[in-house]
Protein backbone atom coordinates (compact mmCIF):
# COMPACT_ATOMS: atom_id res chain seq x y z
CA MET A 1 1.87 0.72 43.93
CA THR A 2 -1.07 -0.90 42.24
CA GLY A 3 -2.69 1.24 39.57
CA ALA A 4 0.07 3.85 39.69
CA LYS A 5 0.52 5.90 36.55
CA ALA A 6 3.76 5.52 34.63
CA THR A 7 6.19 8.35 35.11
CA VAL A 8 7.07 10.39 32.04
CA SER A 9 10.45 8.69 31.58
CA ASP A 10 9.30 5.16 32.46
CA SER A 11 10.47 2.68 29.82
CA THR A 12 8.38 -0.33 30.87
CA GLU A 13 6.78 -0.64 27.43
CA GLN A 14 10.15 -0.69 25.67
CA ARG A 15 11.60 -3.22 28.11
CA SER A 16 8.57 -5.49 27.72
CA ALA A 17 8.96 -5.41 23.92
CA GLU A 18 12.63 -6.42 23.93
CA PRO A 19 12.09 -10.15 24.76
CA LYS A 20 9.65 -10.36 21.85
CA MET A 21 12.27 -8.75 19.60
CA LEU A 22 14.85 -11.29 20.75
CA ALA A 23 12.38 -14.14 20.07
CA ALA A 24 11.88 -12.86 16.53
CA LEU A 25 15.64 -12.75 15.99
CA GLU A 26 15.98 -16.28 17.40
CA ALA A 27 13.44 -17.51 14.85
CA ARG A 28 15.19 -15.68 12.02
CA LEU A 29 18.66 -16.98 12.91
CA GLY A 30 17.63 -20.43 14.15
CA ILE A 31 19.41 -20.02 17.49
CA ALA A 32 18.45 -19.68 21.15
CA LEU A 33 19.31 -16.41 22.89
CA SER A 34 19.27 -15.91 26.64
CA ARG A 35 20.24 -13.09 28.95
CA LYS A 36 23.80 -13.49 30.21
CA SER A 37 25.97 -11.78 32.77
CA VAL A 38 29.66 -11.63 31.82
CA SER A 39 32.29 -11.16 34.55
CA VAL A 40 34.62 -8.17 34.34
CA PRO A 41 38.13 -8.43 35.84
CA ASN A 42 37.38 -5.71 38.43
CA GLY A 43 34.50 -7.78 39.84
CA SER A 44 31.66 -5.97 38.09
CA ARG A 45 29.47 -7.55 35.43
CA VAL A 46 28.24 -6.77 31.91
CA GLU A 47 24.62 -7.77 31.27
CA ILE A 48 23.87 -8.81 27.68
CA ASP A 49 20.24 -9.02 26.48
CA GLY A 50 20.74 -12.09 24.28
CA VAL A 51 23.61 -14.55 24.01
CA SER A 52 24.00 -17.74 22.02
CA GLU A 53 27.01 -19.86 22.94
CA ALA A 54 27.23 -21.87 19.71
CA PRO A 55 27.54 -20.05 17.46
CA LEU A 56 28.69 -17.18 19.67
CA VAL A 57 26.20 -14.34 19.16
CA LEU A 58 25.88 -11.26 21.39
CA CYS A 59 22.80 -9.08 21.04
CA GLU A 60 21.45 -5.91 22.59
CA ALA A 61 17.83 -4.96 21.85
CA CYS A 62 16.30 -1.49 21.74
CA ALA A 63 12.58 -0.96 21.09
CA HIS A 64 12.33 2.50 19.55
CA TYR A 65 10.26 3.85 16.67
CA GLY A 66 11.21 6.72 14.41
CA PRO A 67 14.51 8.52 14.03
CA THR A 68 16.61 8.35 17.16
CA LYS A 69 17.11 11.45 19.26
CA ALA A 70 20.46 12.15 20.93
CA GLY A 71 19.65 10.06 24.01
CA GLN A 72 18.62 6.97 22.05
CA THR A 73 21.62 7.35 19.74
CA ARG A 74 23.95 7.42 22.76
CA LYS A 75 22.19 4.37 24.27
CA ILE A 76 22.59 2.36 21.06
CA ILE A 77 26.25 3.38 20.75
CA ALA A 78 26.76 2.30 24.38
CA ASP A 79 25.03 -1.01 23.60
CA ALA A 80 27.44 -1.59 20.69
CA PHE A 81 30.39 -0.74 22.92
CA LYS A 82 29.07 -3.22 25.51
CA LEU A 83 28.94 -5.95 22.84
CA LEU A 84 32.51 -5.22 21.76
CA TYR A 85 33.71 -5.36 25.36
CA ALA A 86 31.78 -8.56 26.12
CA GLU A 87 33.33 -10.19 23.05
CA LYS A 88 36.78 -9.27 24.36
CA LEU A 89 35.94 -10.60 27.83
CA MET A 90 34.65 -13.87 26.39
CA GLY A 91 37.89 -14.34 24.45
CA ALA A 92 36.34 -15.50 21.19
CA PRO A 93 35.05 -13.86 18.02
CA ALA A 94 31.31 -13.23 18.23
CA ARG A 95 28.59 -12.04 15.94
CA LYS A 96 27.58 -8.73 17.49
CA ILE A 97 24.04 -7.49 16.81
CA VAL A 98 22.26 -4.30 17.79
CA LEU A 99 18.60 -5.22 17.40
CA LEU A 100 16.06 -2.52 16.63
CA ALA A 101 12.30 -2.55 16.00
CA ASP A 102 12.09 0.01 13.21
CA GLU A 103 13.87 0.83 9.94
CA GLU A 104 13.72 4.55 10.72
CA ALA A 105 15.50 3.94 14.02
CA ALA A 106 18.10 1.81 12.24
CA ALA A 107 18.78 4.33 9.46
CA HIS A 108 21.35 6.38 11.39
CA PHE A 109 23.31 3.22 12.22
CA ARG A 110 23.24 1.89 8.65
CA GLY A 111 23.72 5.04 6.61
CA GLN A 112 26.61 7.41 6.06
CA SER A 113 27.09 8.68 9.61
CA TRP A 114 30.40 8.17 11.40
CA VAL A 115 28.53 5.85 13.79
CA ALA A 116 27.35 3.64 10.92
CA GLU A 117 30.88 3.47 9.54
CA ALA A 118 32.28 2.64 12.99
CA PHE A 119 29.70 -0.15 13.40
CA ARG A 120 30.64 -1.61 10.02
CA THR A 121 34.38 -1.29 10.72
CA LEU A 122 34.07 -2.93 14.15
CA GLY A 123 31.74 -5.70 12.99
CA VAL A 124 28.58 -4.56 14.79
CA GLU A 125 25.52 -5.54 12.77
CA VAL A 126 22.24 -3.66 12.87
CA GLU A 127 19.20 -5.92 12.54
CA VAL A 128 15.53 -4.95 12.50
CA VAL A 129 12.64 -7.16 13.61
CA TYR A 130 8.99 -6.23 13.55
CA LEU A 131 6.61 -6.34 16.49
CA SER A 132 2.86 -6.84 16.48
CA PHE A 133 0.80 -3.75 15.75
CA LYS A 134 -0.55 -3.75 19.32
CA LEU A 135 2.94 -3.80 20.83
CA GLN A 136 4.18 -1.17 18.37
CA GLU A 137 1.35 1.12 19.46
CA ARG A 138 2.18 0.63 23.15
CA VAL A 139 5.83 1.56 22.53
CA ARG A 140 4.88 4.55 20.34
CA LYS A 141 2.46 5.79 23.02
CA ALA A 142 5.21 5.50 25.65
CA GLN A 143 7.59 7.43 23.39
CA ARG A 144 5.03 10.23 22.97
CA ARG A 145 4.67 10.39 26.75
CA GLN A 146 8.46 10.40 27.22
CA PHE A 147 9.21 13.06 24.63
CA THR A 148 6.38 15.54 25.04
CA THR A 149 7.46 16.90 28.39
């Protein structure tokens, strides 16, 4: 549908920001990241947002601004779990990164919560990269639309 309005829960803006977040992390780490599908023994697949083969880095990106609500917290925990599982499937130690776009969003996963302690214990890093002001505003506008209904 051309010109159709975004539905309240549509996350197009967040999804379009994630490749830019991955590019910023690539520049910071000096590696190339690409989307990768990892085979699961039962025939299904695990899709990872960004993978570097050498060194082995697994990354999931989440474009969110402000403190996370329950749904975003669950999504980020699921992303970390996906990274841990993908590492196991790949059979080699990997640097596992949950990539966020905002310090406020990262705070829960870096602070004193049980989730932050679990991330540290399991070797899941929380990194923050910054997006352009224009892209930040698009994501923030989408969040307001998503959370005001």
